Amino acid sequence: MFRIVPAFLIAAVSAAAIAQAPANPPVRLRGTVERIDRTHLIVKINTGQSMNVTLADNFVVIGIAKARLADIGSGKFIGTTTVGERDGALVALEVHIFPENMRGTGEGHYDWDLRPNSKMTNANVAKVTSMGKDRVLTVQYKGGEKKVLVPEKAAIVSFRPVDRSELKPGVKVFVNAQRQPDGNLTAARVNVGLHGQVPPM
């Protein structure tokens, strides 16, 4: 009995420590592909620095194409970057429309680094209301709900899996990379702008 209690306490403390340990934050790269060699990618980010990324053996490429405000409908799973509020709704800079096979990607509401005080909300569109040329979306995610005002001028794009051949020198990309203990960056997915589209996020 005396051996069981300490073991249980140690396990409980260990579990609490794991729960409180900060997750390895992503390194978000926005820029242009300089070179790709199989699973080794070099991206010149918008600040002018070249960054090396090791891609997973099974990495996927997601194409980002221009879409329309009218393409955002009830039941769609979207992501939206917002800054500030207006009339109780978050104000969108952009909206990303995900295909059904990417439903649940990055679900939730959290801080983002596109601009100071920006947020990212990935959620299901429960309702769309017209407000002149703008739209107000009621979006729902696990544990929460938000209203998002999408101005007519907001960037609207759609996501879809594409062939790896779309990842080539000169294309604009957004990479959500992870910093490894040895300092190297790795990624399992690369978002590529199609037909000159710059990934807005």
Protein backbone atom coordinates (compact mmCIF):
# COMPACT_ATOMS: atom_id res chain seq x y z
CA MET A 1 0.00 0.00 0.00
CA PHE A 2 2.82 2.41 0.92
CA ARG A 3 4.53 1.73 -2.40
CA ILE A 4 1.36 2.31 -4.43
CA VAL A 5 0.59 5.78 -3.05
CA PRO A 6 4.00 7.36 -3.85
CA ALA A 7 3.93 5.82 -7.33
CA PHE A 8 0.47 7.26 -7.89
CA LEU A 9 1.58 10.69 -6.69
CA ILE A 10 4.64 10.63 -8.95
CA ALA A 11 2.45 9.70 -11.92
CA ALA A 12 0.01 12.50 -11.10
CA VAL A 13 2.79 15.08 -10.77
CA SER A 14 4.34 13.90 -14.04
CA ALA A 15 1.00 14.19 -15.84
CA ALA A 16 0.52 17.71 -14.47
CA ALA A 17 4.01 18.71 -15.60
CA ILE A 18 3.32 17.41 -19.08
CA ALA A 19 0.01 19.26 -19.24
CA GLN A 20 1.70 22.53 -18.19
CA ALA A 21 4.69 22.16 -20.53
CA PRO A 22 4.49 24.72 -23.35
CA ALA A 23 4.02 23.26 -26.81
CA ASN A 24 6.77 23.84 -29.35
CA PRO A 25 5.44 26.94 -31.14
CA PRO A 26 5.30 26.82 -34.94
CA VAL A 27 7.62 28.90 -37.11
CA ARG A 28 5.48 30.48 -39.82
CA LEU A 29 7.34 31.21 -43.04
CA ARG A 30 5.90 33.54 -45.67
CA GLY A 31 7.91 34.01 -48.83
CA THR A 32 9.13 32.64 -52.15
CA VAL A 33 10.67 29.26 -52.98
CA GLU A 34 14.32 29.65 -53.94
CA ARG A 35 15.13 25.97 -54.35
CA ILE A 36 13.71 22.53 -53.69
CA ASP A 37 15.66 19.27 -53.78
CA ARG A 38 13.43 16.28 -53.00
CA THR A 39 12.57 16.98 -49.38
CA HIS A 40 14.87 19.96 -48.82
CA LEU A 41 13.25 23.36 -49.31
CA ILE A 42 14.81 26.82 -49.23
CA VAL A 43 12.39 29.72 -48.79
CA LYS A 44 13.34 33.39 -49.05
CA ILE A 45 11.00 34.89 -46.48
CA ASN A 46 9.50 38.37 -46.77
CA THR A 47 12.20 39.87 -44.53
CA GLY A 48 14.84 38.80 -47.07
CA GLN A 49 16.34 35.89 -45.11
CA SER A 50 16.69 32.44 -46.68
CA MET A 51 15.33 29.63 -44.50
CA ASN A 52 16.03 25.91 -44.86
CA VAL A 53 13.18 23.48 -44.27
CA THR A 54 13.33 19.69 -44.24
CA LEU A 55 10.09 18.25 -45.57
CA ALA A 56 8.61 14.99 -44.31
CA ASP A 57 8.93 12.04 -46.67
CA ASN A 58 5.15 12.06 -47.13
CA PHE A 59 4.76 15.85 -47.29
CA VAL A 60 1.71 17.26 -49.05
CA VAL A 61 1.25 20.40 -51.13
CA ILE A 62 -1.92 22.46 -50.75
CA GLY A 63 -2.81 24.86 -53.55
CA ILE A 64 -4.30 28.24 -52.72
CA ALA A 65 -6.46 29.87 -55.41
CA LYS A 66 -8.49 33.05 -55.55
CA ALA A 67 -12.15 32.62 -54.56
CA ARG A 68 -15.21 34.86 -54.14
CA LEU A 69 -17.22 36.10 -51.19
CA ALA A 70 -20.21 34.23 -52.67
CA ASP A 71 -18.28 30.95 -52.27
CA ILE A 72 -18.55 31.17 -48.48
CA GLY A 73 -21.70 29.25 -47.60
CA SER A 74 -23.34 27.67 -44.59
CA GLY A 75 -21.74 24.32 -43.77
CA LYS A 76 -18.32 25.26 -45.15
CA PHE A 77 -15.25 24.78 -42.95
CA ILE A 78 -13.15 27.93 -43.10
CA GLY A 79 -10.21 29.71 -41.57
CA THR A 80 -10.19 33.48 -41.10
CA THR A 81 -7.58 35.94 -39.92
CA THR A 82 -9.14 38.86 -38.08
CA VAL A 83 -8.00 42.10 -36.47
CA GLY A 84 -10.24 44.00 -34.06
CA GLU A 85 -14.02 44.04 -33.81
CA ARG A 86 -16.95 46.00 -35.20
CA ASP A 87 -20.48 45.83 -33.80
CA GLY A 88 -19.59 42.73 -31.77
CA ALA A 89 -18.07 40.83 -34.69
CA LEU A 90 -14.44 40.06 -35.48
CA VAL A 91 -13.31 41.87 -38.65
CA ALA A 92 -11.78 39.58 -41.26
CA LEU A 93 -8.70 40.40 -43.29
CA GLU A 94 -9.08 37.15 -45.21
CA VAL A 95 -11.05 33.93 -45.40
CA HIS A 96 -9.69 30.50 -46.43
CA ILE A 97 -12.25 27.97 -47.66
CA PHE A 98 -11.17 24.39 -46.94
CA PRO A 99 -12.25 21.33 -48.94
CA GLU A 100 -14.28 18.74 -47.06
CA ASN A 101 -11.27 16.42 -46.66
CA MET A 102 -9.49 19.19 -44.69
CA ARG A 103 -12.40 19.80 -42.30
CA GLY A 104 -11.08 20.27 -38.76
CA THR A 105 -7.67 21.63 -39.84
CA GLY A 106 -6.40 23.94 -37.09
CA GLU A 107 -9.84 24.13 -35.50
CA GLY A 108 -10.27 26.79 -32.83
CA HIS A 109 -9.71 30.47 -32.06
CA TYR A 110 -6.17 31.62 -31.20
CA ASP A 111 -3.51 34.30 -31.57
CA TRP A 112 -1.92 34.78 -34.99
CA ASP A 113 1.15 36.64 -36.18
CA LEU A 114 0.13 38.19 -39.51
CA ARG A 115 -0.36 41.58 -37.87
CA PRO A 116 -0.25 42.89 -34.30
CA ASN A 117 -3.28 41.65 -32.34
CA SER A 118 -4.45 39.39 -35.18
CA LYS A 119 -6.39 36.20 -34.48
CA MET A 120 -7.02 33.00 -36.44
CA THR A 121 -10.37 31.24 -36.25
CA ASN A 122 -10.87 27.89 -38.01
CA ALA A 123 -14.46 26.78 -37.73
CA ASN A 124 -17.65 25.63 -39.40
CA VAL A 125 -19.91 28.27 -40.91
CA ALA A 126 -23.29 27.91 -39.20
CA LYS A 127 -24.96 30.98 -40.70
CA VAL A 128 -24.27 33.65 -43.34
CA THR A 129 -26.01 37.04 -43.18
CA SER A 130 -25.73 39.75 -45.83
CA MET A 131 -24.94 43.29 -44.72
CA GLY A 132 -24.87 45.35 -47.89
CA LYS A 133 -21.84 44.12 -49.85
CA ASP A 134 -20.35 42.55 -46.73
CA ARG A 135 -21.16 39.27 -44.98
CA VAL A 136 -21.50 38.35 -41.31
CA LEU A 137 -20.60 34.75 -40.54
CA THR A 138 -21.60 32.86 -37.43
CA VAL A 139 -18.86 30.25 -37.05
CA GLN A 140 -18.69 27.38 -34.57
CA TYR A 141 -15.72 25.39 -33.33
CA LYS A 142 -15.24 22.95 -30.48
CA GLY A 143 -15.89 24.91 -27.32
CA GLY A 144 -16.92 28.19 -28.88
CA GLU A 145 -18.69 30.40 -31.39
CA LYS A 146 -17.77 33.72 -33.02
CA LYS A 147 -19.33 36.24 -35.36
CA VAL A 148 -17.05 37.38 -38.18
CA LEU A 149 -17.65 40.42 -40.39
CA VAL A 150 -16.19 39.78 -43.86
CA PRO A 151 -15.80 43.08 -45.75
CA GLU A 152 -16.09 43.10 -49.52
CA LYS A 153 -12.37 43.93 -49.75
CA ALA A 154 -11.24 40.92 -47.66
CA ALA A 155 -9.01 38.38 -49.42
CA ILE A 156 -10.95 35.18 -50.16
CA VAL A 157 -9.11 32.01 -51.18
CA SER A 158 -9.83 28.30 -51.47
CA PHE A 159 -7.56 25.41 -50.53
CA ARG A 160 -7.14 22.10 -52.38
CA PRO A 161 -4.51 19.35 -52.51
CA VAL A 162 -2.32 19.61 -55.62
CA ASP A 163 0.55 17.70 -57.16
CA ARG A 164 4.01 18.24 -55.68
CA SER A 165 5.13 19.67 -59.03
CA GLU A 166 3.35 22.92 -58.06
CA LEU A 167 6.09 23.44 -55.47
CA LYS A 168 8.84 25.00 -57.57
CA PRO A 169 11.22 27.97 -57.55
CA GLY A 170 9.49 31.33 -57.80
CA VAL A 171 6.13 30.37 -56.27
CA LYS A 172 4.79 32.11 -53.18
CA VAL A 173 4.37 29.86 -50.15
CA PHE A 174 3.23 29.74 -46.55
CA VAL A 175 4.90 27.08 -44.40
CA ASN A 176 3.88 26.20 -40.86
CA ALA A 177 7.21 24.70 -39.75
CA GLN A 178 8.34 23.18 -36.48
CA ARG A 179 11.67 23.93 -34.79
CA GLN A 180 13.41 20.70 -33.81
CA PRO A 181 15.72 20.27 -30.77
CA ASP A 182 18.75 20.51 -33.07
CA GLY A 183 17.50 23.86 -34.41
CA ASN A 184 16.42 22.57 -37.83
CA LEU A 185 13.01 23.37 -39.27
CA THR A 186 10.70 20.62 -40.51
CA ALA A 187 7.29 20.63 -42.18
CA ALA A 188 4.74 18.08 -43.38
CA ARG A 189 2.74 20.50 -45.55
CA VAL A 190 3.46 23.44 -47.82
CA ASN A 191 0.77 25.90 -48.93
CA VAL A 192 1.45 27.15 -52.46
CA GLY A 193 -0.14 30.10 -54.25
CA LEU A 194 -1.60 29.06 -57.61
CA HIS A 195 -1.63 31.28 -60.73
CA GLY A 196 0.30 34.03 -58.96
CA GLN A 197 -1.86 34.07 -55.83
CA VAL A 198 0.03 35.04 -52.69
CA PRO A 199 -1.04 32.95 -49.67
CA PRO A 200 -2.73 35.68 -47.60
CA MET A 201 -2.24 34.20 -44.15
